[in-house]
Every structure is written in structure tokens, then in C-alpha cells.
Amino acid sequence: MKIEVARELCTSVATCIAVAPGTFELDDEGIAIIKDIKGDDEKTILQAAQSCPVNAIILYDDNGKQIHPPK
């Protein structure tokens, strides 16, 4: 799984951190960043991405297909 955070979309709600604290954290600007790509299991990371109210977390499968947010 590949994870991207669209910095321009992040609004610092931090639900991703509440759901997957091993994977995400806020930087000095209050924007979500990836702390450890293997910090949580894939199911938890997907739940964290789905919890983002502005779809700032973009997930891709191992083949590069976008799995969240749905296209």
C-alpha cells in the first residue's frame, strides 16, 4: 500500500491520528504527515483515510490503483 497526504486539503482535524496513531502525526504546521508507513495494519490505515472529512489521505494498492478516496 502507498499512502499520500494532500497537504493542501488537510484541515488539521486529526481523525487520522485518532484512528491510526502509529501511522500519522501532525507536523509543525498542523498538517497530517506519515510517521511510519507500517505503524498500523492496512485495515486501520484505510479506516483512518475514510475518517478524514476532506479526503486528504490518498491510498493506492500495490499495483498503483487508487483505493481511497474512490474515483
C-alpha atoms as a PDB file:
ATOM      1  CA  MET A   1       0.000   0.000   0.000  1.00  0.00           C
ATOM      2  CA  LYS A   2       1.154   3.515  -0.811  1.00  0.00           C
ATOM      3  CA  ILE A   3      -0.053   6.450   1.281  1.00  0.00           C
ATOM      4  CA  GLU A   4      -0.121  10.122   0.274  1.00  0.00           C
ATOM      5  CA  VAL A   5      -1.345  13.122   2.246  1.00  0.00           C
ATOM      6  CA  ALA A   6      -2.648  16.028   0.155  1.00  0.00           C
ATOM      7  CA  ARG A   7      -1.278  18.872   2.274  1.00  0.00           C
ATOM      8  CA  GLU A   8      -3.449  21.442   0.520  1.00  0.00           C
ATOM      9  CA  LEU A   9      -6.585  19.573   1.598  1.00  0.00           C
ATOM     10  CA  CYS A  10      -5.678  18.743   5.211  1.00  0.00           C
ATOM     11  CA  THR A  11      -7.611  20.836   7.734  1.00  0.00           C
ATOM     12  CA  SER A  12      -5.940  19.504  10.904  1.00  0.00           C
ATOM     13  CA  VAL A  13      -9.000  17.659  12.182  1.00  0.00           C
ATOM     14  CA  ALA A  14      -6.649  14.797  13.140  1.00  0.00           C
ATOM     15  CA  THR A  15      -9.145  11.941  12.908  1.00  0.00           C
ATOM     16  CA  CYS A  16      -6.448  10.014  11.063  1.00  0.00           C
ATOM     17  CA  ILE A  17      -4.253  10.244  14.143  1.00  0.00           C
ATOM     18  CA  ALA A  18      -7.072   9.165  16.438  1.00  0.00           C
ATOM     19  CA  VAL A  19      -7.653   6.075  14.274  1.00  0.00           C
ATOM     20  CA  ALA A  20      -4.070   5.239  13.237  1.00  0.00           C
ATOM     21  CA  PRO A  21      -1.634   6.920  15.653  1.00  0.00           C
ATOM     22  CA  GLY A  22       1.189   4.623  14.614  1.00  0.00           C
ATOM     23  CA  THR A  23       0.994   5.849  11.023  1.00  0.00           C
ATOM     24  CA  PHE A  24       0.042   9.535  11.159  1.00  0.00           C
ATOM     25  CA  GLU A  25       1.031  12.612  13.147  1.00  0.00           C
ATOM     26  CA  LEU A  26       0.734  16.378  12.727  1.00  0.00           C
ATOM     27  CA  ASP A  27       3.754  18.390  11.641  1.00  0.00           C
ATOM     28  CA  ASP A  28       4.733  21.825  12.969  1.00  0.00           C
ATOM     29  CA  GLU A  29       2.126  23.435  10.700  1.00  0.00           C
ATOM     30  CA  GLY A  30      -0.668  21.189  11.990  1.00  0.00           C
ATOM     31  CA  ILE A  31      -0.825  19.175   8.776  1.00  0.00           C
ATOM     32  CA  ALA A  32      -1.043  15.383   8.816  1.00  0.00           C
ATOM     33  CA  ILE A  33       2.100  13.551   7.781  1.00  0.00           C
ATOM     34  CA  ILE A  34       3.101   9.920   7.600  1.00  0.00           C
ATOM     35  CA  LYS A  35       5.070   8.976  10.695  1.00  0.00           C
ATOM     36  CA  ASP A  36       5.543   5.287   9.858  1.00  0.00           C
ATOM     37  CA  ILE A  37       4.005   3.588   6.821  1.00  0.00           C
ATOM     38  CA  LYS A  38       3.965   0.304   8.755  1.00  0.00           C
ATOM     39  CA  GLY A  39       2.795   1.854  12.024  1.00  0.00           C
ATOM     40  CA  ASP A  40      -0.666   0.302  11.737  1.00  0.00           C
ATOM     41  CA  ASP A  41      -2.190  -2.534   9.721  1.00  0.00           C
ATOM     42  CA  GLU A  42      -3.706  -1.809   6.303  1.00  0.00           C
ATOM     43  CA  LYS A  43      -7.293  -2.121   7.545  1.00  0.00           C
ATOM     44  CA  THR A  44      -6.634   0.527  10.217  1.00  0.00           C
ATOM     45  CA  ILE A  45      -4.914   2.829   7.725  1.00  0.00           C
ATOM     46  CA  LEU A  46      -7.925   2.514   5.395  1.00  0.00           C
ATOM     47  CA  GLN A  47     -10.251   3.359   8.295  1.00  0.00           C
ATOM     48  CA  ALA A  48      -8.095   6.399   9.080  1.00  0.00           C
ATOM     49  CA  ALA A  49      -8.272   7.568   5.460  1.00  0.00           C
ATOM     50  CA  GLN A  50     -12.032   7.058   5.426  1.00  0.00           C
ATOM     51  CA  SER A  51     -12.346   9.090   8.628  1.00  0.00           C
ATOM     52  CA  CYS A  52     -10.785  12.168   7.018  1.00  0.00           C
ATOM     53  CA  PRO A  53     -13.609  14.655   6.378  1.00  0.00           C
ATOM     54  CA  VAL A  54     -11.808  16.223   3.403  1.00  0.00           C
ATOM     55  CA  ASN A  55     -10.330  13.059   1.809  1.00  0.00           C
ATOM     56  CA  ALA A  56      -6.788  14.364   2.257  1.00  0.00           C
ATOM     57  CA  ILE A  57      -5.387  10.842   2.612  1.00  0.00           C
ATOM     58  CA  ILE A  58      -4.993   9.017  -0.673  1.00  0.00           C
ATOM     59  CA  LEU A  59      -4.306   5.285  -0.672  1.00  0.00           C
ATOM     60  CA  TYR A  60      -3.050   3.113  -3.521  1.00  0.00           C
ATOM     61  CA  ASP A  61      -2.794  -0.664  -3.700  1.00  0.00           C
ATOM     62  CA  ASP A  62       0.470  -2.414  -4.548  1.00  0.00           C
ATOM     63  CA  ASN A  63      -0.329  -2.136  -8.262  1.00  0.00           C
ATOM     64  CA  GLY A  64      -0.739   1.654  -8.078  1.00  0.00           C
ATOM     65  CA  LYS A  65      -4.545   1.635  -8.288  1.00  0.00           C
ATOM     66  CA  GLN A  66      -6.186   4.293  -6.118  1.00  0.00           C
ATOM     67  CA  ILE A  67      -8.328   2.622  -3.468  1.00  0.00           C
ATOM     68  CA  HIS A  68      -9.270   5.693  -1.433  1.00  0.00           C
ATOM     69  CA  PRO A  69     -10.941   8.029  -1.995  1.00  0.00           C
ATOM     70  CA  PRO A  70     -12.903   6.164  -4.651  1.00  0.00           C
ATOM     71  CA  LYS A  71     -12.638   7.709  -8.067  1.00  0.00           C
END
